[in-house]
Amino acid sequence: MIALGLLLVAAAGILTLATVAMSTTETQGHLAARTAEYGQDKMEQLLALPYDDKTTDTTQFPAVAGPGTGLLVGGGLNPNGPVVGYSDYVDSSGNPVAAAANWSYVRVWQITQVAPNMRQITVLTQVRHSVGYASQTGILPTSTVVSLKSRPF
């Protein structure tokens, strides 16, 4: 009977730890998956533009005719200091929203010339501090997607 009581106490302690671990994994995994998904969405939007496009406003979805930056070389990958024309915000469902609105994810991108007829597009997506488990730990899931865009394709 004493051994059974000790086993019950030990099992209760391990069960609590397992519950916390499952909750953390679910929340962090969900947020990380969303950052990758929303980063890929932005990458697809940018890759759909013609190589020489320098005026399409890609901060909106769907992208609209200028004024904008299109695939103009520039931008940056700092989500805390996004470059105008190379950043946008989405809510928890992936819908574009204004920077002052209730956004959950920030997407920033950078376009660099890597060869005469080739540009590298890098999109970084990060969760906002106040979303899910990130608000408790300060660990912000981030995903980076990189692709090349060449002329004539």
C-alpha atoms as a PDB file:
ATOM      1  CA  MET A   1       0.000   0.000   0.000  1.00  0.00           C
ATOM      2  CA  ILE A   2       2.887   2.379   0.832  1.00  0.00           C
ATOM      3  CA  ALA A   3       4.622   1.568  -2.460  1.00  0.00           C
ATOM      4  CA  LEU A   4       1.402   2.241  -4.356  1.00  0.00           C
ATOM      5  CA  GLY A   5       1.053   5.615  -2.608  1.00  0.00           C
ATOM      6  CA  LEU A   6       4.621   6.572  -3.534  1.00  0.00           C
ATOM      7  CA  LEU A   7       4.027   5.507  -7.137  1.00  0.00           C
ATOM      8  CA  LEU A   8       0.882   7.634  -7.271  1.00  0.00           C
ATOM      9  CA  VAL A   9       2.737  10.731  -6.018  1.00  0.00           C
ATOM     10  CA  ALA A  10       5.559  10.225  -8.555  1.00  0.00           C
ATOM     11  CA  ALA A  11       3.112   9.650 -11.409  1.00  0.00           C
ATOM     12  CA  ALA A  12       1.186  12.839 -10.552  1.00  0.00           C
ATOM     13  CA  GLY A  13       4.430  14.863 -10.722  1.00  0.00           C
ATOM     14  CA  ILE A  14       5.413  13.400 -14.085  1.00  0.00           C
ATOM     15  CA  LEU A  15       1.896  13.858 -15.461  1.00  0.00           C
ATOM     16  CA  THR A  16       2.011  17.586 -14.647  1.00  0.00           C
ATOM     17  CA  LEU A  17       5.337  17.931 -16.453  1.00  0.00           C
ATOM     18  CA  ALA A  18       3.982  16.030 -19.459  1.00  0.00           C
ATOM     19  CA  THR A  19       0.943  18.338 -19.649  1.00  0.00           C
ATOM     20  CA  VAL A  20       3.136  21.446 -19.673  1.00  0.00           C
ATOM     21  CA  ALA A  21       5.414  19.930 -22.320  1.00  0.00           C
ATOM     22  CA  MET A  22       2.486  19.025 -24.591  1.00  0.00           C
ATOM     23  CA  SER A  23       0.969  22.494 -24.268  1.00  0.00           C
ATOM     24  CA  THR A  24       4.279  24.188 -25.077  1.00  0.00           C
ATOM     25  CA  THR A  25       4.935  21.968 -28.074  1.00  0.00           C
ATOM     26  CA  GLU A  26       1.433  22.465 -29.481  1.00  0.00           C
ATOM     27  CA  THR A  27       1.492  26.241 -29.164  1.00  0.00           C
ATOM     28  CA  GLN A  28       5.070  26.750 -30.360  1.00  0.00           C
ATOM     29  CA  GLY A  29       4.565  24.280 -33.220  1.00  0.00           C
ATOM     30  CA  HIS A  30       1.366  25.979 -34.305  1.00  0.00           C
ATOM     31  CA  LEU A  31       2.933  29.449 -34.293  1.00  0.00           C
ATOM     32  CA  ALA A  32       6.067  28.280 -36.119  1.00  0.00           C
ATOM     33  CA  ALA A  33       3.970  26.538 -38.773  1.00  0.00           C
ATOM     34  CA  ARG A  34       1.952  29.727 -39.331  1.00  0.00           C
ATOM     35  CA  THR A  35       5.104  31.835 -39.757  1.00  0.00           C
ATOM     36  CA  ALA A  36       6.337  29.426 -42.429  1.00  0.00           C
ATOM     37  CA  GLU A  37       2.947  29.396 -44.167  1.00  0.00           C
ATOM     38  CA  TYR A  38       2.580  33.184 -44.211  1.00  0.00           C
ATOM     39  CA  GLY A  39       6.177  33.635 -45.348  1.00  0.00           C
ATOM     40  CA  GLN A  40       5.565  31.241 -48.238  1.00  0.00           C
ATOM     41  CA  ASP A  41       2.378  33.142 -49.161  1.00  0.00           C
ATOM     42  CA  LYS A  42       4.365  36.383 -49.476  1.00  0.00           C
ATOM     43  CA  MET A  43       7.115  34.629 -51.444  1.00  0.00           C
ATOM     44  CA  GLU A  44       4.573  33.297 -53.951  1.00  0.00           C
ATOM     45  CA  GLN A  45       3.121  36.789 -54.367  1.00  0.00           C
ATOM     46  CA  LEU A  46       6.578  38.239 -55.066  1.00  0.00           C
ATOM     47  CA  LEU A  47       7.620  35.441 -57.436  1.00  0.00           C
ATOM     48  CA  ALA A  48       4.471  36.007 -59.500  1.00  0.00           C
ATOM     49  CA  LEU A  49       5.697  39.514 -60.463  1.00  0.00           C
ATOM     50  CA  PRO A  50       7.646  40.086 -63.671  1.00  0.00           C
ATOM     51  CA  TYR A  51      11.417  40.370 -63.145  1.00  0.00           C
ATOM     52  CA  ASP A  52      11.536  44.067 -64.118  1.00  0.00           C
ATOM     53  CA  ASP A  53       8.512  45.154 -62.028  1.00  0.00           C
ATOM     54  CA  LYS A  54       9.478  48.146 -59.884  1.00  0.00           C
ATOM     55  CA  THR A  55       6.082  49.733 -59.209  1.00  0.00           C
ATOM     56  CA  THR A  56       3.600  47.114 -57.961  1.00  0.00           C
ATOM     57  CA  ASP A  57       2.437  47.645 -54.377  1.00  0.00           C
ATOM     58  CA  THR A  58       3.181  44.280 -52.785  1.00  0.00           C
ATOM     59  CA  THR A  59       2.248  45.410 -49.283  1.00  0.00           C
ATOM     60  CA  GLN A  60      -1.366  44.699 -50.242  1.00  0.00           C
ATOM     61  CA  PHE A  61      -3.026  41.453 -51.232  1.00  0.00           C
ATOM     62  CA  PRO A  62      -3.726  41.033 -53.991  1.00  0.00           C
ATOM     63  CA  ALA A  63      -0.885  43.262 -55.192  1.00  0.00           C
ATOM     64  CA  VAL A  64      -2.067  46.414 -56.971  1.00  0.00           C
ATOM     65  CA  ALA A  65      -0.523  48.687 -59.576  1.00  0.00           C
ATOM     66  CA  GLY A  66       1.882  51.282 -58.055  1.00  0.00           C
ATOM     67  CA  PRO A  67       3.088  53.221 -56.439  1.00  0.00           C
ATOM     68  CA  GLY A  68       5.103  50.474 -54.823  1.00  0.00           C
ATOM     69  CA  THR A  69       8.438  48.723 -54.887  1.00  0.00           C
ATOM     70  CA  GLY A  70       7.650  45.567 -56.879  1.00  0.00           C
ATOM     71  CA  LEU A  71      10.914  43.626 -57.200  1.00  0.00           C
ATOM     72  CA  LEU A  72      13.113  46.691 -56.798  1.00  0.00           C
ATOM     73  CA  VAL A  73      16.362  45.840 -55.017  1.00  0.00           C
ATOM     74  CA  GLY A  74      16.116  46.916 -51.376  1.00  0.00           C
ATOM     75  CA  GLY A  75      14.257  46.169 -48.170  1.00  0.00           C
ATOM     76  CA  GLY A  76      15.491  44.622 -44.969  1.00  0.00           C
ATOM     77  CA  LEU A  77      15.055  41.651 -42.653  1.00  0.00           C
ATOM     78  CA  ASN A  78      14.590  43.383 -39.302  1.00  0.00           C
ATOM     79  CA  PRO A  79      10.999  42.827 -38.102  1.00  0.00           C
ATOM     80  CA  ASN A  80      11.524  45.455 -35.393  1.00  0.00           C
ATOM     81  CA  GLY A  81      12.470  48.103 -37.981  1.00  0.00           C
ATOM     82  CA  PRO A  82      10.600  47.231 -41.165  1.00  0.00           C
ATOM     83  CA  VAL A  83      11.453  49.133 -44.350  1.00  0.00           C
ATOM     84  CA  VAL A  84       8.474  50.935 -45.895  1.00  0.00           C
ATOM     85  CA  GLY A  85       7.364  49.152 -49.060  1.00  0.00           C
ATOM     86  CA  TYR A  86       9.035  45.909 -47.981  1.00  0.00           C
ATOM     87  CA  SER A  87       6.843  44.881 -45.062  1.00  0.00           C
ATOM     88  CA  ASP A  88       3.273  44.013 -44.218  1.00  0.00           C
ATOM     89  CA  TYR A  89       1.199  42.598 -41.387  1.00  0.00           C
ATOM     90  CA  VAL A  90      -1.342  39.775 -41.158  1.00  0.00           C
ATOM     91  CA  ASP A  91      -3.851  38.744 -38.510  1.00  0.00           C
ATOM     92  CA  SER A  92      -4.098  35.321 -36.883  1.00  0.00           C
ATOM     93  CA  SER A  93      -6.030  34.007 -39.901  1.00  0.00           C
ATOM     94  CA  GLY A  94      -3.467  35.239 -42.427  1.00  0.00           C
ATOM     95  CA  ASN A  95      -5.514  38.190 -43.667  1.00  0.00           C
ATOM     96  CA  PRO A  96      -3.569  41.396 -44.437  1.00  0.00           C
ATOM     97  CA  VAL A  97      -4.160  44.210 -41.932  1.00  0.00           C
ATOM     98  CA  ALA A  98      -2.766  47.693 -41.345  1.00  0.00           C
ATOM     99  CA  ALA A  99       0.276  48.122 -39.102  1.00  0.00           C
ATOM    100  CA  ALA A 100      -1.827  49.905 -36.465  1.00  0.00           C
ATOM    101  CA  ALA A 101      -4.507  47.189 -36.532  1.00  0.00           C
ATOM    102  CA  ASN A 102      -4.655  44.006 -34.483  1.00  0.00           C
ATOM    103  CA  TRP A 103      -1.896  42.146 -36.317  1.00  0.00           C
ATOM    104  CA  SER A 104      -0.366  38.849 -35.229  1.00  0.00           C
ATOM    105  CA  TYR A 105       2.490  38.365 -37.707  1.00  0.00           C
ATOM    106  CA  VAL A 106       4.898  40.773 -39.384  1.00  0.00           C
ATOM    107  CA  ARG A 107       6.467  39.934 -42.748  1.00  0.00           C
ATOM    108  CA  VAL A 108       9.553  41.747 -44.000  1.00  0.00           C
ATOM    109  CA  TRP A 109      11.415  41.059 -47.207  1.00  0.00           C
ATOM    110  CA  GLN A 110      14.646  41.935 -48.913  1.00  0.00           C
ATOM    111  CA  ILE A 111      15.536  41.767 -52.594  1.00  0.00           C
ATOM    112  CA  THR A 112      19.192  41.601 -53.592  1.00  0.00           C
ATOM    113  CA  GLN A 113      20.895  41.389 -56.983  1.00  0.00           C
ATOM    114  CA  VAL A 114      23.094  38.267 -56.957  1.00  0.00           C
ATOM    115  CA  ALA A 115      23.958  38.112 -60.675  1.00  0.00           C
ATOM    116  CA  PRO A 116      23.239  40.235 -63.769  1.00  0.00           C
ATOM    117  CA  ASN A 117      19.932  38.451 -64.425  1.00  0.00           C
ATOM    118  CA  MET A 118      19.175  37.021 -60.987  1.00  0.00           C
ATOM    119  CA  ARG A 119      17.700  38.405 -57.778  1.00  0.00           C
ATOM    120  CA  GLN A 120      17.432  36.749 -54.408  1.00  0.00           C
ATOM    121  CA  ILE A 121      14.189  37.278 -52.520  1.00  0.00           C
ATOM    122  CA  THR A 122      14.218  36.654 -48.758  1.00  0.00           C
ATOM    123  CA  VAL A 123      11.035  36.818 -46.680  1.00  0.00           C
ATOM    124  CA  LEU A 124      11.150  36.746 -42.872  1.00  0.00           C
ATOM    125  CA  THR A 125       7.956  36.257 -40.870  1.00  0.00           C
ATOM    126  CA  GLN A 126       7.764  36.709 -37.095  1.00  0.00           C
ATOM    127  CA  VAL A 127       5.031  36.341 -34.476  1.00  0.00           C
ATOM    128  CA  ARG A 128       3.983  39.356 -32.439  1.00  0.00           C
ATOM    129  CA  HIS A 129       4.933  39.330 -28.725  1.00  0.00           C
ATOM    130  CA  SER A 130       1.341  39.124 -27.532  1.00  0.00           C
ATOM    131  CA  VAL A 131       0.363  35.994 -29.471  1.00  0.00           C
ATOM    132  CA  GLY A 132      -0.093  32.654 -27.686  1.00  0.00           C
ATOM    133  CA  TYR A 133       2.856  31.078 -25.919  1.00  0.00           C
ATOM    134  CA  ALA A 134       5.189  33.795 -27.224  1.00  0.00           C
ATOM    135  CA  SER A 135       3.520  36.218 -24.811  1.00  0.00           C
ATOM    136  CA  GLN A 136       4.513  34.020 -21.868  1.00  0.00           C
ATOM    137  CA  THR A 137       8.087  33.166 -22.850  1.00  0.00           C
ATOM    138  CA  GLY A 138       9.275  35.989 -25.066  1.00  0.00           C
ATOM    139  CA  ILE A 139      10.400  33.356 -27.586  1.00  0.00           C
ATOM    140  CA  LEU A 140       9.123  34.545 -30.947  1.00  0.00           C
ATOM    141  CA  PRO A 141       8.836  31.896 -33.643  1.00  0.00           C
ATOM    142  CA  THR A 142      10.405  33.169 -36.870  1.00  0.00           C
ATOM    143  CA  SER A 143      10.626  31.637 -40.347  1.00  0.00           C
ATOM    144  CA  THR A 144      12.761  32.693 -43.280  1.00  0.00           C
ATOM    145  CA  VAL A 145      12.018  31.703 -46.885  1.00  0.00           C
ATOM    146  CA  VAL A 146      14.569  32.344 -49.651  1.00  0.00           C
ATOM    147  CA  SER A 147      14.173  32.015 -53.416  1.00  0.00           C
ATOM    148  CA  LEU A 148      15.835  33.172 -56.630  1.00  0.00           C
ATOM    149  CA  LYS A 149      14.070  35.062 -59.420  1.00  0.00           C
ATOM    150  CA  SER A 150      15.753  35.090 -62.812  1.00  0.00           C
ATOM    151  CA  ARG A 151      15.188  36.779 -66.119  1.00  0.00           C
ATOM    152  CA  PRO A 152      13.393  35.798 -68.354  1.00  0.00           C
ATOM    153  CA  PHE A 153      11.347  33.663 -65.915  1.00  0.00           C
END
